[in-house]
Amino acid sequence: MAGNNMVWQPQVVEEMLRYYKEKIQAEGRQFIFKEVHYEECAKQINEKYHTKFTSRQVYHKFHKLKAQWKVIMEAKNLSGANFDDVEKRFLYDETEVVQMNNVNKRAKYINVPIRWYDEM
């Protein structure tokens, strides 16, 4: 841990996603997260894992994952996309993958397992 940078361990991210998923299920899809929710999530994570995440760090991590989810959904909606429910990954024909250049932000989600797919 250098400076204010915190390392997000996989189990901590899973706990954060579980918190938000439960909130959305309880309150409804249109639920809007406010500062109090980020504070509550940070407190819950800190108590469980003995960390020192702030509500601001939780906010930024949540929004980073939310942006990744948007890209994942764009990749899922591409023509020719097949989805493997077991491995949680998009399957494309190799010729289509070659045509996608590495600059395409969706390319990193093609033919690889997507971590936390169900949680997101």
Foldseek 3Di string as FASTA:
>chain_A
DPDPDDDQDPVLVLQLLVLVVVVCVVPHVPDDDDLVSLQVSQVVSCVVPVDRDHSVNSVVVVVVVVVVVVLQVVLCPDPQWDADPVQGATEHDVVVLVVDDPVRPSSVRHPHRDPCPVSD
